[in-house]
Amino acid sequence: MTTPTRKPLAEHLAVQYPFNVIADPDGGYVLIYPDLPGCMTQVETLEEVPGAAQEIRHLWIETQYEDGFTIPLPSYPEEYSGKFNLRIAKSLHRRLAESAERDGVSLNQYVMSLLDKGDALARVEQRLGEMELRLTGGDSPRATQVGGMPVARRKRATPATV
């Protein structure tokens, strides 16, 4: 059996990915690569966008490559605008704003980082749950829910009673 060969790093770096530039209400701009989880940065001026965008994409891809992780292919960004409205309790809004200020970032950037981390954690927990199901044959007490997300549970055949 042969092991599939990896594409060279240069091929991954040559792939162009869509990215979003969002004006931050507190000043500057946030750059986000939706197809590269966690690949984001903030710049002060529009002139900085091209250089920063290329730099963070290269660093992200190089890190994933060196760590042996799969590098996703680009998607079609017209499916999602990168915007949605969310109503939250005033007390949560205040706590988030205070945390963002304490960290020296905009509220938008702070919430994006929390959402990105939470989504990454949920995906890892989902994958662990799926792996656990395969290893245990579906007998695990955690098998129906992992990280608050339902996991498909395989039904086991029960012996017929006479």
N, C-alpha and C. Protein backbone atom coordinates (compact mmCIF):
# COMPACT_ATOMS: atom_id res chain seq x y z
N MET A 1 0.85 -1.18 0.00
CA MET A 1 0.00 0.00 0.00
C MET A 1 0.89 1.24 0.00
N THR A 2 0.58 2.19 -0.86
CA THR A 2 1.39 3.40 -0.95
C THR A 2 0.73 4.53 -0.19
N THR A 3 1.56 5.38 0.37
CA THR A 3 1.07 6.54 1.11
C THR A 3 0.89 7.69 0.12
N PRO A 4 -0.26 8.39 0.18
CA PRO A 4 -0.43 9.51 -0.74
C PRO A 4 0.60 10.60 -0.46
N THR A 5 1.13 11.19 -1.53
CA THR A 5 2.13 12.23 -1.35
C THR A 5 1.45 13.58 -1.16
N ARG A 6 2.07 14.39 -0.35
CA ARG A 6 1.56 15.74 -0.09
C ARG A 6 2.01 16.66 -1.20
N LYS A 7 1.14 17.61 -1.51
CA LYS A 7 1.54 18.65 -2.45
C LYS A 7 2.63 19.48 -1.78
N PRO A 8 3.54 20.01 -2.56
CA PRO A 8 4.57 20.88 -1.97
C PRO A 8 3.93 22.15 -1.39
N LEU A 9 4.58 22.70 -0.39
CA LEU A 9 4.10 23.92 0.26
C LEU A 9 3.87 25.03 -0.76
N ALA A 10 4.74 25.16 -1.72
CA ALA A 10 4.62 26.23 -2.73
C ALA A 10 3.29 26.16 -3.48
N GLU A 11 2.78 24.97 -3.72
CA GLU A 11 1.49 24.83 -4.40
C GLU A 11 0.35 25.35 -3.53
N HIS A 12 0.41 25.06 -2.23
CA HIS A 12 -0.61 25.56 -1.31
C HIS A 12 -0.56 27.08 -1.23
N LEU A 13 0.65 27.63 -1.19
CA LEU A 13 0.81 29.08 -1.08
C LEU A 13 0.34 29.80 -2.34
N ALA A 14 0.35 29.12 -3.48
CA ALA A 14 -0.06 29.74 -4.74
C ALA A 14 -1.58 29.84 -4.88
N VAL A 15 -2.33 29.09 -4.07
CA VAL A 15 -3.80 29.12 -4.15
C VAL A 15 -4.31 30.45 -3.60
N GLN A 16 -5.21 31.08 -4.33
CA GLN A 16 -5.79 32.35 -3.89
C GLN A 16 -7.08 32.08 -3.12
N TYR A 17 -7.23 32.73 -2.00
CA TYR A 17 -8.41 32.59 -1.14
C TYR A 17 -9.13 33.92 -1.04
N PRO A 18 -10.46 33.88 -1.02
CA PRO A 18 -11.20 35.13 -0.79
C PRO A 18 -11.03 35.56 0.67
N PHE A 19 -11.01 36.86 0.88
CA PHE A 19 -10.97 37.37 2.24
C PHE A 19 -11.90 38.57 2.34
N ASN A 20 -12.32 38.85 3.55
CA ASN A 20 -13.21 39.97 3.82
C ASN A 20 -12.44 41.06 4.54
N VAL A 21 -12.75 42.31 4.17
CA VAL A 21 -12.20 43.46 4.87
C VAL A 21 -13.38 44.19 5.48
N ILE A 22 -13.37 44.31 6.79
CA ILE A 22 -14.49 44.92 7.51
C ILE A 22 -13.98 46.16 8.23
N ALA A 23 -14.63 47.28 7.96
CA ALA A 23 -14.26 48.52 8.65
C ALA A 23 -14.67 48.40 10.11
N ASP A 24 -13.73 48.64 10.98
CA ASP A 24 -13.99 48.57 12.41
C ASP A 24 -14.53 49.92 12.87
N PRO A 25 -15.65 49.95 13.59
CA PRO A 25 -16.21 51.23 14.05
C PRO A 25 -15.24 52.04 14.91
N ASP A 26 -14.30 51.34 15.57
CA ASP A 26 -13.32 52.02 16.41
C ASP A 26 -12.08 52.46 15.63
N GLY A 27 -12.08 52.24 14.32
CA GLY A 27 -10.94 52.60 13.49
C GLY A 27 -10.22 51.37 12.98
N GLY A 28 -9.63 51.50 11.83
CA GLY A 28 -8.90 50.39 11.24
C GLY A 28 -9.82 49.43 10.50
N TYR A 29 -9.24 48.32 10.09
CA TYR A 29 -9.95 47.32 9.30
C TYR A 29 -9.57 45.93 9.76
N VAL A 30 -10.54 45.03 9.76
CA VAL A 30 -10.32 43.64 10.13
C VAL A 30 -10.30 42.82 8.85
N LEU A 31 -9.29 41.98 8.68
CA LEU A 31 -9.18 41.08 7.53
C LEU A 31 -9.45 39.67 8.01
N ILE A 32 -10.33 38.96 7.30
CA ILE A 32 -10.69 37.60 7.69
C ILE A 32 -10.70 36.72 6.45
N TYR A 33 -10.06 35.57 6.54
CA TYR A 33 -10.14 34.53 5.50
C TYR A 33 -11.15 33.50 5.98
N PRO A 34 -12.37 33.52 5.45
CA PRO A 34 -13.41 32.60 5.93
C PRO A 34 -13.06 31.12 5.76
N ASP A 35 -12.26 30.78 4.75
CA ASP A 35 -11.94 29.38 4.49
C ASP A 35 -10.76 28.88 5.32
N LEU A 36 -10.07 29.79 6.01
CA LEU A 36 -8.90 29.42 6.81
C LEU A 36 -9.20 29.77 8.27
N PRO A 37 -9.76 28.84 9.05
CA PRO A 37 -10.22 29.12 10.41
C PRO A 37 -9.16 29.77 11.29
N GLY A 38 -9.51 30.93 11.83
CA GLY A 38 -8.61 31.65 12.71
C GLY A 38 -7.64 32.56 12.00
N CYS A 39 -7.66 32.58 10.67
CA CYS A 39 -6.75 33.42 9.89
C CYS A 39 -7.36 34.81 9.77
N MET A 40 -6.92 35.72 10.66
CA MET A 40 -7.45 37.08 10.66
C MET A 40 -6.43 38.02 11.26
N THR A 41 -6.56 39.29 10.92
CA THR A 41 -5.70 40.31 11.50
C THR A 41 -6.41 41.65 11.41
N GLN A 42 -5.79 42.66 11.96
CA GLN A 42 -6.36 44.01 11.91
C GLN A 42 -5.27 44.97 11.47
N VAL A 43 -5.64 45.93 10.61
CA VAL A 43 -4.71 46.96 10.14
C VAL A 43 -5.32 48.32 10.37
N GLU A 44 -4.50 49.33 10.33
CA GLU A 44 -4.97 50.69 10.57
C GLU A 44 -5.50 51.36 9.31
N THR A 45 -4.88 51.09 8.13
CA THR A 45 -5.26 51.79 6.90
C THR A 45 -5.54 50.79 5.78
N LEU A 46 -6.27 51.26 4.78
CA LEU A 46 -6.55 50.41 3.61
C LEU A 46 -5.28 50.07 2.84
N GLU A 47 -4.29 50.93 2.90
CA GLU A 47 -3.03 50.68 2.19
C GLU A 47 -2.31 49.45 2.73
N GLU A 48 -2.55 49.12 4.00
CA GLU A 48 -1.90 47.98 4.63
C GLU A 48 -2.56 46.64 4.28
N VAL A 49 -3.77 46.69 3.72
CA VAL A 49 -4.55 45.47 3.50
C VAL A 49 -3.84 44.46 2.61
N PRO A 50 -3.36 44.81 1.41
CA PRO A 50 -2.76 43.77 0.55
C PRO A 50 -1.58 43.05 1.20
N GLY A 51 -0.66 43.79 1.78
CA GLY A 51 0.51 43.15 2.40
C GLY A 51 0.13 42.30 3.59
N ALA A 52 -0.76 42.81 4.44
CA ALA A 52 -1.18 42.05 5.62
C ALA A 52 -1.95 40.80 5.21
N ALA A 53 -2.79 40.93 4.19
CA ALA A 53 -3.58 39.79 3.74
C ALA A 53 -2.68 38.66 3.24
N GLN A 54 -1.68 39.00 2.44
CA GLN A 54 -0.77 37.98 1.94
C GLN A 54 0.06 37.37 3.07
N GLU A 55 0.53 38.22 3.97
CA GLU A 55 1.36 37.74 5.07
C GLU A 55 0.61 36.76 5.97
N ILE A 56 -0.63 37.10 6.39
CA ILE A 56 -1.33 36.19 7.30
C ILE A 56 -1.75 34.90 6.60
N ARG A 57 -2.09 34.99 5.30
CA ARG A 57 -2.45 33.77 4.55
C ARG A 57 -1.24 32.85 4.48
N HIS A 58 -0.06 33.40 4.14
CA HIS A 58 1.15 32.59 4.06
C HIS A 58 1.50 31.98 5.40
N LEU A 59 1.45 32.77 6.47
CA LEU A 59 1.79 32.26 7.79
C LEU A 59 0.83 31.15 8.22
N TRP A 60 -0.46 31.34 7.95
CA TRP A 60 -1.46 30.34 8.32
C TRP A 60 -1.20 29.04 7.57
N ILE A 61 -1.01 29.13 6.26
CA ILE A 61 -0.81 27.94 5.43
C ILE A 61 0.50 27.24 5.83
N GLU A 62 1.57 28.00 6.02
CA GLU A 62 2.86 27.41 6.41
C GLU A 62 2.74 26.66 7.75
N THR A 63 2.05 27.26 8.70
CA THR A 63 1.89 26.63 10.02
C THR A 63 1.09 25.33 9.89
N GLN A 64 -0.03 25.37 9.17
CA GLN A 64 -0.85 24.17 8.99
C GLN A 64 -0.04 23.08 8.29
N TYR A 65 0.71 23.47 7.28
CA TYR A 65 1.51 22.52 6.50
C TYR A 65 2.58 21.87 7.38
N GLU A 66 3.31 22.69 8.14
CA GLU A 66 4.37 22.17 9.00
C GLU A 66 3.82 21.26 10.09
N ASP A 67 2.61 21.54 10.56
CA ASP A 67 2.00 20.71 11.60
C ASP A 67 1.29 19.49 11.02
N GLY A 68 1.30 19.34 9.70
CA GLY A 68 0.72 18.16 9.06
C GLY A 68 -0.79 18.19 8.89
N PHE A 69 -1.41 19.36 9.04
CA PHE A 69 -2.85 19.47 8.91
C PHE A 69 -3.26 19.67 7.45
N THR A 70 -4.50 19.32 7.16
CA THR A 70 -5.06 19.52 5.84
C THR A 70 -5.32 21.00 5.62
N ILE A 71 -5.02 21.47 4.43
CA ILE A 71 -5.27 22.87 4.08
C ILE A 71 -6.50 22.88 3.18
N PRO A 72 -7.59 23.53 3.64
CA PRO A 72 -8.83 23.49 2.86
C PRO A 72 -8.72 24.25 1.55
N LEU A 73 -9.55 23.86 0.61
CA LEU A 73 -9.63 24.58 -0.65
C LEU A 73 -10.52 25.80 -0.48
N PRO A 74 -10.35 26.81 -1.32
CA PRO A 74 -11.22 28.00 -1.22
C PRO A 74 -12.66 27.66 -1.59
N SER A 75 -13.59 28.39 -0.99
CA SER A 75 -15.01 28.21 -1.30
C SER A 75 -15.49 29.41 -2.11
N TYR A 76 -16.74 29.41 -2.39
CA TYR A 76 -17.32 30.51 -3.15
C TYR A 76 -17.99 31.47 -2.18
N PRO A 77 -17.42 32.66 -2.01
CA PRO A 77 -17.88 33.58 -0.96
C PRO A 77 -19.26 34.18 -1.20
N GLU A 78 -19.81 34.08 -2.41
CA GLU A 78 -21.09 34.72 -2.66
C GLU A 78 -22.23 34.08 -1.87
N GLU A 79 -21.96 32.91 -1.28
CA GLU A 79 -22.99 32.24 -0.49
C GLU A 79 -23.24 32.93 0.84
N TYR A 80 -22.23 33.63 1.38
CA TYR A 80 -22.34 34.26 2.70
C TYR A 80 -21.82 35.69 2.63
N SER A 81 -22.51 36.58 3.29
CA SER A 81 -22.13 38.00 3.26
C SER A 81 -21.12 38.34 4.36
N GLY A 82 -21.01 37.49 5.39
CA GLY A 82 -20.14 37.81 6.51
C GLY A 82 -20.81 38.70 7.54
N LYS A 83 -22.11 38.92 7.36
CA LYS A 83 -22.85 39.76 8.29
C LYS A 83 -24.11 39.05 8.74
N PHE A 84 -24.46 39.23 10.00
CA PHE A 84 -25.76 38.82 10.52
C PHE A 84 -26.04 39.62 11.78
N ASN A 85 -27.29 39.79 12.08
CA ASN A 85 -27.69 40.55 13.26
C ASN A 85 -27.99 39.59 14.40
N LEU A 86 -27.62 40.01 15.59
CA LEU A 86 -27.81 39.17 16.76
C LEU A 86 -28.24 40.05 17.92
N ARG A 87 -29.33 39.70 18.55
CA ARG A 87 -29.78 40.43 19.73
C ARG A 87 -29.29 39.68 20.96
N ILE A 88 -28.70 40.42 21.89
CA ILE A 88 -28.20 39.82 23.12
C ILE A 88 -28.64 40.67 24.30
N ALA A 89 -28.55 40.11 25.47
CA ALA A 89 -28.91 40.84 26.69
C ALA A 89 -27.95 42.02 26.87
N LYS A 90 -28.47 43.10 27.42
CA LYS A 90 -27.65 44.29 27.65
C LYS A 90 -26.46 43.98 28.56
N SER A 91 -26.69 43.13 29.54
CA SER A 91 -25.60 42.79 30.47
C SER A 91 -24.48 42.04 29.74
N LEU A 92 -24.83 41.14 28.82
CA LEU A 92 -23.81 40.43 28.04
C LEU A 92 -23.09 41.41 27.13
N HIS A 93 -23.82 42.31 26.50
CA HIS A 93 -23.23 43.32 25.64
C HIS A 93 -22.19 44.13 26.43
N ARG A 94 -22.54 44.53 27.64
CA ARG A 94 -21.63 45.31 28.48
C ARG A 94 -20.38 44.48 28.81
N ARG A 95 -20.56 43.22 29.22
CA ARG A 95 -19.42 42.38 29.58
C ARG A 95 -18.49 42.17 28.39
N LEU A 96 -19.07 41.94 27.22
CA LEU A 96 -18.25 41.75 26.02
C LEU A 96 -17.48 43.02 25.68
N ALA A 97 -18.15 44.17 25.75
CA ALA A 97 -17.50 45.45 25.46
C ALA A 97 -16.36 45.71 26.45
N GLU A 98 -16.58 45.41 27.72
CA GLU A 98 -15.54 45.60 28.73
C GLU A 98 -14.35 44.68 28.48
N SER A 99 -14.62 43.45 28.10
CA SER A 99 -13.54 42.50 27.82
C SER A 99 -12.74 42.93 26.60
N ALA A 100 -13.44 43.41 25.57
CA ALA A 100 -12.76 43.89 24.37
C ALA A 100 -11.86 45.07 24.70
N GLU A 101 -12.38 45.99 25.49
CA GLU A 101 -11.58 47.15 25.88
C GLU A 101 -10.36 46.73 26.69
N ARG A 102 -10.55 45.79 27.60
CA ARG A 102 -9.45 45.29 28.43
C ARG A 102 -8.36 44.66 27.54
N ASP A 103 -8.80 43.97 26.46
CA ASP A 103 -7.84 43.32 25.55
C ASP A 103 -7.30 44.28 24.50
N GLY A 104 -7.83 45.50 24.45
CA GLY A 104 -7.34 46.50 23.51
C GLY A 104 -7.74 46.25 22.07
N VAL A 105 -8.91 45.61 21.87
CA VAL A 105 -9.41 45.35 20.52
C VAL A 105 -10.84 45.87 20.43
N SER A 106 -11.34 45.94 19.22
CA SER A 106 -12.72 46.38 19.04
C SER A 106 -13.68 45.29 19.51
N LEU A 107 -14.90 45.67 19.80
CA LEU A 107 -15.92 44.71 20.19
C LEU A 107 -16.13 43.70 19.06
N ASN A 108 -16.16 44.19 17.83
CA ASN A 108 -16.35 43.32 16.67
C ASN A 108 -15.25 42.25 16.60
N GLN A 109 -14.00 42.67 16.72
CA GLN A 109 -12.90 41.72 16.65
C GLN A 109 -12.94 40.75 17.82
N TYR A 110 -13.27 41.24 19.00
CA TYR A 110 -13.33 40.38 20.18
C TYR A 110 -14.40 39.29 20.02
N VAL A 111 -15.59 39.69 19.58
CA VAL A 111 -16.68 38.72 19.40
C VAL A 111 -16.34 37.74 18.28
N MET A 112 -15.71 38.23 17.19
CA MET A 112 -15.30 37.32 16.11
C MET A 112 -14.33 36.27 16.63
N SER A 113 -13.38 36.68 17.47
CA SER A 113 -12.42 35.70 17.98
C SER A 113 -13.10 34.69 18.89
N LEU A 114 -14.07 35.13 19.71
CA LEU A 114 -14.81 34.20 20.56
C LEU A 114 -15.62 33.21 19.72
N LEU A 115 -16.29 33.72 18.69
CA LEU A 115 -17.07 32.84 17.82
C LEU A 115 -16.19 31.85 17.10
N ASP A 116 -15.04 32.31 16.62
CA ASP A 116 -14.12 31.43 15.91
C ASP A 116 -13.60 30.33 16.84
N LYS A 117 -13.20 30.70 18.05
CA LYS A 117 -12.72 29.71 19.02
C LYS A 117 -13.83 28.73 19.40
N GLY A 118 -15.03 29.26 19.64
CA GLY A 118 -16.15 28.40 20.01
C GLY A 118 -16.52 27.43 18.90
N ASP A 119 -16.50 27.92 17.65
CA ASP A 119 -16.82 27.07 16.52
C ASP A 119 -15.76 25.98 16.35
N ALA A 120 -14.49 26.37 16.48
CA ALA A 120 -13.41 25.38 16.36
C ALA A 120 -13.54 24.31 17.44
N LEU A 121 -13.83 24.73 18.68
CA LEU A 121 -14.01 23.78 19.77
C LEU A 121 -15.20 22.85 19.49
N ALA A 122 -16.30 23.40 19.02
CA ALA A 122 -17.48 22.59 18.72
C ALA A 122 -17.17 21.56 17.63
N ARG A 123 -16.39 21.96 16.63
CA ARG A 123 -16.03 21.02 15.55
C ARG A 123 -15.14 19.90 16.08
N VAL A 124 -14.19 20.25 16.94
CA VAL A 124 -13.32 19.23 17.53
C VAL A 124 -14.14 18.27 18.39
N GLU A 125 -15.04 18.82 19.21
CA GLU A 125 -15.87 17.96 20.06
C GLU A 125 -16.77 17.07 19.22
N GLN A 126 -17.30 17.60 18.12
CA GLN A 126 -18.14 16.80 17.23
C GLN A 126 -17.34 15.64 16.65
N ARG A 127 -16.13 15.95 16.20
CA ARG A 127 -15.27 14.92 15.61
C ARG A 127 -14.89 13.87 16.65
N LEU A 128 -14.58 14.30 17.88
CA LEU A 128 -14.26 13.36 18.95
C LEU A 128 -15.46 12.46 19.25
N GLY A 129 -16.64 13.04 19.25
CA GLY A 129 -17.84 12.25 19.48
C GLY A 129 -18.05 11.20 18.41
N GLU A 130 -17.80 11.58 17.16
CA GLU A 130 -17.94 10.62 16.06
C GLU A 130 -16.92 9.50 16.19
N MET A 131 -15.69 9.86 16.56
CA MET A 131 -14.65 8.85 16.74
C MET A 131 -14.98 7.92 17.90
N GLU A 132 -15.50 8.49 18.97
CA GLU A 132 -15.88 7.69 20.13
C GLU A 132 -16.98 6.70 19.76
N LEU A 133 -17.94 7.16 18.95
CA LEU A 133 -19.00 6.26 18.50
C LEU A 133 -18.43 5.08 17.73
N ARG A 134 -17.50 5.34 16.84
CA ARG A 134 -16.91 4.27 16.05
C ARG A 134 -16.12 3.30 16.93
N LEU A 135 -15.43 3.84 17.91
CA LEU A 135 -14.61 2.98 18.78
C LEU A 135 -15.44 2.15 19.74
N THR A 136 -16.54 2.70 20.22
CA THR A 136 -17.35 1.99 21.22
C THR A 136 -18.54 1.27 20.60
N GLY A 137 -18.78 1.47 19.35
CA GLY A 137 -19.94 0.84 18.73
C GLY A 137 -21.24 1.48 19.16
N GLY A 138 -21.17 2.68 19.69
CA GLY A 138 -22.40 3.40 20.05
C GLY A 138 -22.84 3.20 21.48
N ASP A 139 -22.02 2.55 22.33
CA ASP A 139 -22.42 2.28 23.71
C ASP A 139 -22.04 3.36 24.71
N SER A 140 -21.38 4.39 24.25
CA SER A 140 -20.91 5.42 25.17
C SER A 140 -22.06 6.28 25.67
N PRO A 141 -22.07 6.61 26.96
CA PRO A 141 -23.13 7.50 27.48
C PRO A 141 -23.03 8.89 26.87
N ARG A 142 -21.83 9.28 26.39
CA ARG A 142 -21.67 10.59 25.77
C ARG A 142 -22.04 10.57 24.30
N ALA A 143 -22.40 9.42 23.79
CA ALA A 143 -22.55 9.27 22.35
C ALA A 143 -23.71 10.04 21.74
N THR A 144 -24.68 10.46 22.51
CA THR A 144 -25.81 11.17 21.92
C THR A 144 -25.59 12.66 21.84
N GLN A 145 -24.64 13.19 22.63
CA GLN A 145 -24.41 14.62 22.59
C GLN A 145 -22.97 14.91 23.00
N VAL A 146 -22.30 15.75 22.20
CA VAL A 146 -20.93 16.15 22.50
C VAL A 146 -20.85 17.65 22.36
N GLY A 147 -20.42 18.33 23.41
CA GLY A 147 -20.27 19.77 23.35
C GLY A 147 -21.58 20.48 23.05
N GLY A 148 -22.69 19.91 23.49
CA GLY A 148 -23.99 20.53 23.25
C GLY A 148 -24.53 20.27 21.86
N MET A 149 -23.79 19.50 21.04
CA MET A 149 -24.24 19.22 19.68
C MET A 149 -24.65 17.75 19.58
N PRO A 150 -25.81 17.48 18.98
CA PRO A 150 -26.23 16.08 18.86
C PRO A 150 -25.32 15.32 17.91
N VAL A 151 -25.08 14.07 18.24
CA VAL A 151 -24.28 13.20 17.40
C VAL A 151 -25.16 12.03 17.00
N ALA A 152 -25.08 11.64 15.76
CA ALA A 152 -25.89 10.51 15.30
C ALA A 152 -25.48 9.27 16.08
N ARG A 153 -26.45 8.57 16.59
CA ARG A 153 -26.18 7.37 17.37
C ARG A 153 -26.69 6.16 16.61
N ARG A 154 -25.82 5.18 16.47
CA ARG A 154 -26.17 3.97 15.75
C ARG A 154 -27.00 3.08 16.65
N LYS A 155 -28.12 2.57 16.12
CA LYS A 155 -28.96 1.67 16.90
C LYS A 155 -28.35 0.29 16.92
N ARG A 156 -28.38 -0.32 18.09
CA ARG A 156 -27.86 -1.68 18.23
C ARG A 156 -29.02 -2.65 18.15
N ALA A 157 -28.80 -3.76 17.52
CA ALA A 157 -29.84 -4.78 17.43
C ALA A 157 -30.01 -5.41 18.79
N THR A 158 -31.25 -5.64 19.18
CA THR A 158 -31.53 -6.31 20.46
C THR A 158 -31.99 -7.71 20.15
N PRO A 159 -31.56 -8.66 20.98
CA PRO A 159 -31.96 -10.04 20.73
C PRO A 159 -33.47 -10.20 20.92
N ALA A 160 -34.05 -10.99 20.08
CA ALA A 160 -35.50 -11.24 20.15
C ALA A 160 -35.78 -12.11 21.37
N THR A 161 -36.87 -11.80 22.05
CA THR A 161 -37.24 -12.60 23.20
C THR A 161 -38.34 -13.55 22.78
N VAL A 162 -38.35 -14.75 23.36
CA VAL A 162 -39.35 -15.76 23.03
C VAL A 162 -40.33 -15.90 24.15
